[in-house]
Amino acid sequence: MKKKNVLAVMMLVSVFASVTFFQACNVSTANLSDVKVCTEKTDAGCSSDASTFPVTSPAVYCSAMLNNAPSGTKVTFEWKHDGKELGHADVESSGGSVVGNMNINGMLEPGKYSVTVKLNSDNSKPITKEFTLE
């Protein structure tokens, strides 16, 4: 009898641990594609992808297509210069084109920059685009 009680307790602990673990995971079917960087955008995002821009540009945009996303999916755009974060923005969407931007307005120095686009899910791989301001 005692053996059965111990087994039942162990099974309950296993079930509880499994439920807790899977609730902590944030797995999604959402994915990003067609990530582009530009200085002029349309309603659909960047129409072309470039890697060099004038430092006098008013802004740099990064667009991506968000596919298979449930409502409220968060996309993060993280902007960096020489590996140091300049800022980030979170955009919530249920799919289609998502756009983040970094205002320049002649305030940034020439150099190497990057933007990383990532989903708020455990199985998503971040996409980084590098660009140069000259």
C-alpha atoms as a PDB file:
ATOM      1  CA  MET A   1       0.000   0.000   0.000  1.00  0.00           C
ATOM      2  CA  LYS A   2       2.795   2.378   0.942  1.00  0.00           C
ATOM      3  CA  LYS A   3       4.504   1.637  -2.374  1.00  0.00           C
ATOM      4  CA  LYS A   4       1.357   2.651  -4.293  1.00  0.00           C
ATOM      5  CA  ASN A   5       1.125   5.955  -2.382  1.00  0.00           C
ATOM      6  CA  VAL A   6       4.749   6.794  -3.153  1.00  0.00           C
ATOM      7  CA  LEU A   7       4.196   5.961  -6.820  1.00  0.00           C
ATOM      8  CA  ALA A   8       1.057   8.129  -6.951  1.00  0.00           C
ATOM      9  CA  VAL A   9       2.894  11.073  -5.365  1.00  0.00           C
ATOM     10  CA  MET A  10       5.780  10.687  -7.810  1.00  0.00           C
ATOM     11  CA  MET A  11       3.374  10.659 -10.743  1.00  0.00           C
ATOM     12  CA  LEU A  12       1.616  13.794  -9.492  1.00  0.00           C
ATOM     13  CA  VAL A  13       4.956  15.572  -9.082  1.00  0.00           C
ATOM     14  CA  SER A  14       5.955  14.543 -12.634  1.00  0.00           C
ATOM     15  CA  VAL A  15       2.683  15.817 -14.087  1.00  0.00           C
ATOM     16  CA  PHE A  16       2.971  19.107 -12.183  1.00  0.00           C
ATOM     17  CA  ALA A  17       6.603  19.581 -13.293  1.00  0.00           C
ATOM     18  CA  SER A  18       5.699  18.871 -16.925  1.00  0.00           C
ATOM     19  CA  VAL A  19       2.796  21.323 -16.915  1.00  0.00           C
ATOM     20  CA  THR A  20       4.945  24.014 -15.286  1.00  0.00           C
ATOM     21  CA  PHE A  21       7.764  23.479 -17.790  1.00  0.00           C
ATOM     22  CA  PHE A  22       5.520  23.643 -20.860  1.00  0.00           C
ATOM     23  CA  GLN A  23       3.746  26.754 -19.605  1.00  0.00           C
ATOM     24  CA  ALA A  24       7.131  28.486 -19.276  1.00  0.00           C
ATOM     25  CA  CYS A  25       7.982  27.692 -22.912  1.00  0.00           C
ATOM     26  CA  ASN A  26       6.778  30.142 -25.516  1.00  0.00           C
ATOM     27  CA  VAL A  27       6.745  28.120 -28.735  1.00  0.00           C
ATOM     28  CA  SER A  28       5.041  29.539 -31.798  1.00  0.00           C
ATOM     29  CA  THR A  29       4.450  28.770 -35.475  1.00  0.00           C
ATOM     30  CA  ALA A  30       5.138  32.437 -36.262  1.00  0.00           C
ATOM     31  CA  ASN A  31       8.191  33.227 -38.363  1.00  0.00           C
ATOM     32  CA  LEU A  32       9.881  36.174 -40.061  1.00  0.00           C
ATOM     33  CA  SER A  33      10.905  36.429 -43.700  1.00  0.00           C
ATOM     34  CA  ASP A  34      11.938  39.026 -46.283  1.00  0.00           C
ATOM     35  CA  VAL A  35      13.804  41.274 -43.823  1.00  0.00           C
ATOM     36  CA  LYS A  36      14.942  44.485 -45.538  1.00  0.00           C
ATOM     37  CA  VAL A  37      16.625  47.755 -44.545  1.00  0.00           C
ATOM     38  CA  CYS A  38      15.878  51.027 -46.378  1.00  0.00           C
ATOM     39  CA  THR A  39      15.472  54.786 -45.993  1.00  0.00           C
ATOM     40  CA  GLU A  40      12.113  55.008 -47.794  1.00  0.00           C
ATOM     41  CA  LYS A  41       9.161  52.766 -47.041  1.00  0.00           C
ATOM     42  CA  THR A  42       5.676  52.154 -48.317  1.00  0.00           C
ATOM     43  CA  ASP A  43       2.656  50.753 -46.471  1.00  0.00           C
ATOM     44  CA  ALA A  44       4.074  47.298 -47.247  1.00  0.00           C
ATOM     45  CA  GLY A  45       7.489  48.152 -45.737  1.00  0.00           C
ATOM     46  CA  CYS A  46      10.786  48.471 -47.579  1.00  0.00           C
ATOM     47  CA  SER A  47      10.417  47.911 -51.313  1.00  0.00           C
ATOM     48  CA  SER A  48      14.159  47.264 -51.694  1.00  0.00           C
ATOM     49  CA  ASP A  49      17.041  46.216 -49.465  1.00  0.00           C
ATOM     50  CA  ALA A  50      20.238  48.263 -49.150  1.00  0.00           C
ATOM     51  CA  SER A  51      23.314  48.218 -46.938  1.00  0.00           C
ATOM     52  CA  THR A  52      24.696  51.765 -47.276  1.00  0.00           C
ATOM     53  CA  PHE A  53      22.889  55.028 -46.575  1.00  0.00           C
ATOM     54  CA  PRO A  54      23.815  58.723 -46.322  1.00  0.00           C
ATOM     55  CA  VAL A  55      24.319  59.851 -42.722  1.00  0.00           C
ATOM     56  CA  THR A  56      22.004  62.766 -43.587  1.00  0.00           C
ATOM     57  CA  SER A  57      19.013  60.425 -44.077  1.00  0.00           C
ATOM     58  CA  PRO A  58      16.109  61.305 -41.785  1.00  0.00           C
ATOM     59  CA  ALA A  59      15.545  57.654 -40.763  1.00  0.00           C
ATOM     60  CA  VAL A  60      16.459  54.044 -41.448  1.00  0.00           C
ATOM     61  CA  TYR A  61      13.624  51.515 -41.637  1.00  0.00           C
ATOM     62  CA  CYS A  62      13.633  47.768 -41.204  1.00  0.00           C
ATOM     63  CA  SER A  63      10.685  45.746 -42.466  1.00  0.00           C
ATOM     64  CA  ALA A  64       9.873  42.054 -42.282  1.00  0.00           C
ATOM     65  CA  MET A  65       7.018  39.773 -43.193  1.00  0.00           C
ATOM     66  CA  LEU A  66       5.434  38.135 -40.159  1.00  0.00           C
ATOM     67  CA  ASN A  67       3.946  34.759 -41.143  1.00  0.00           C
ATOM     68  CA  ASN A  68       1.694  32.255 -39.316  1.00  0.00           C
ATOM     69  CA  ALA A  69       1.369  34.548 -36.319  1.00  0.00           C
ATOM     70  CA  PRO A  70      -1.349  34.448 -33.699  1.00  0.00           C
ATOM     71  CA  SER A  71      -2.897  37.748 -32.670  1.00  0.00           C
ATOM     72  CA  GLY A  72      -0.662  39.850 -30.424  1.00  0.00           C
ATOM     73  CA  THR A  73       2.649  38.380 -31.605  1.00  0.00           C
ATOM     74  CA  LYS A  74       5.472  40.665 -30.470  1.00  0.00           C
ATOM     75  CA  VAL A  75       8.299  41.538 -32.881  1.00  0.00           C
ATOM     76  CA  THR A  76      11.338  43.339 -31.429  1.00  0.00           C
ATOM     77  CA  PHE A  77      13.637  45.600 -33.467  1.00  0.00           C
ATOM     78  CA  GLU A  78      16.978  46.211 -31.729  1.00  0.00           C
ATOM     79  CA  TRP A  79      19.293  48.861 -33.212  1.00  0.00           C
ATOM     80  CA  LYS A  80      23.054  48.853 -32.533  1.00  0.00           C
ATOM     81  CA  HIS A  81      26.211  50.802 -33.395  1.00  0.00           C
ATOM     82  CA  ASP A  82      29.515  48.958 -33.010  1.00  0.00           C
ATOM     83  CA  GLY A  83      27.773  46.360 -30.829  1.00  0.00           C
ATOM     84  CA  LYS A  84      26.262  48.905 -28.419  1.00  0.00           C
ATOM     85  CA  GLU A  85      22.495  49.125 -28.210  1.00  0.00           C
ATOM     86  CA  LEU A  86      21.039  52.417 -29.427  1.00  0.00           C
ATOM     87  CA  GLY A  87      17.453  51.463 -28.748  1.00  0.00           C
ATOM     88  CA  HIS A  88      14.734  48.938 -29.385  1.00  0.00           C
ATOM     89  CA  ALA A  89      11.048  48.878 -30.209  1.00  0.00           C
ATOM     90  CA  ASP A  90       8.369  46.220 -29.807  1.00  0.00           C
ATOM     91  CA  VAL A  91       5.633  45.927 -32.412  1.00  0.00           C
ATOM     92  CA  GLU A  92       2.563  43.722 -31.905  1.00  0.00           C
ATOM     93  CA  SER A  93       0.949  42.190 -34.963  1.00  0.00           C
ATOM     94  CA  SER A  94      -1.031  39.196 -36.165  1.00  0.00           C
ATOM     95  CA  GLY A  95       0.811  39.014 -39.485  1.00  0.00           C
ATOM     96  CA  GLY A  96       1.834  40.838 -42.627  1.00  0.00           C
ATOM     97  CA  SER A  97       4.412  43.580 -42.863  1.00  0.00           C
ATOM     98  CA  VAL A  98       5.952  44.858 -39.626  1.00  0.00           C
ATOM     99  CA  VAL A  99       8.223  47.911 -39.596  1.00  0.00           C
ATOM    100  CA  GLY A 100      10.665  49.403 -37.105  1.00  0.00           C
ATOM    101  CA  ASN A 101      12.642  52.596 -37.586  1.00  0.00           C
ATOM    102  CA  MET A 102      15.611  54.488 -36.197  1.00  0.00           C
ATOM    103  CA  ASN A 103      15.506  58.261 -36.560  1.00  0.00           C
ATOM    104  CA  ILE A 104      18.826  59.680 -37.691  1.00  0.00           C
ATOM    105  CA  ASN A 105      18.128  63.331 -38.561  1.00  0.00           C
ATOM    106  CA  GLY A 106      21.865  63.915 -39.070  1.00  0.00           C
ATOM    107  CA  MET A 107      22.536  63.120 -35.390  1.00  0.00           C
ATOM    108  CA  LEU A 108      24.494  59.878 -35.863  1.00  0.00           C
ATOM    109  CA  GLU A 109      28.100  59.528 -36.892  1.00  0.00           C
ATOM    110  CA  PRO A 110      29.241  57.564 -39.944  1.00  0.00           C
ATOM    111  CA  GLY A 111      30.000  53.907 -39.195  1.00  0.00           C
ATOM    112  CA  LYS A 112      28.721  50.344 -39.000  1.00  0.00           C
ATOM    113  CA  TYR A 113      25.241  49.739 -37.623  1.00  0.00           C
ATOM    114  CA  SER A 114      22.886  46.776 -37.316  1.00  0.00           C
ATOM    115  CA  VAL A 115      19.284  45.952 -36.611  1.00  0.00           C
ATOM    116  CA  THR A 116      18.179  42.620 -35.149  1.00  0.00           C
ATOM    117  CA  VAL A 117      14.598  41.480 -35.647  1.00  0.00           C
ATOM    118  CA  LYS A 118      13.268  38.774 -33.354  1.00  0.00           C
ATOM    119  CA  LEU A 119      10.033  37.208 -32.209  1.00  0.00           C
ATOM    120  CA  ASN A 120       9.074  36.746 -28.590  1.00  0.00           C
ATOM    121  CA  SER A 121       9.147  32.948 -28.781  1.00  0.00           C
ATOM    122  CA  ASP A 122      11.580  30.266 -27.680  1.00  0.00           C
ATOM    123  CA  ASN A 123      11.901  28.650 -31.116  1.00  0.00           C
ATOM    124  CA  SER A 124      12.521  31.811 -33.156  1.00  0.00           C
ATOM    125  CA  LYS A 125      15.958  32.631 -34.546  1.00  0.00           C
ATOM    126  CA  PRO A 126      16.814  36.369 -34.588  1.00  0.00           C
ATOM    127  CA  ILE A 127      17.698  37.920 -37.958  1.00  0.00           C
ATOM    128  CA  THR A 128      20.394  40.615 -38.035  1.00  0.00           C
ATOM    129  CA  LYS A 129      20.923  43.044 -40.913  1.00  0.00           C
ATOM    130  CA  GLU A 130      24.076  45.155 -40.999  1.00  0.00           C
ATOM    131  CA  PHE A 131      24.332  48.525 -42.716  1.00  0.00           C
ATOM    132  CA  THR A 132      26.674  51.475 -43.018  1.00  0.00           C
ATOM    133  CA  LEU A 133      26.039  55.191 -42.637  1.00  0.00           C
ATOM    134  CA  GLU A 134      28.475  57.323 -44.627  1.00  0.00           C
END
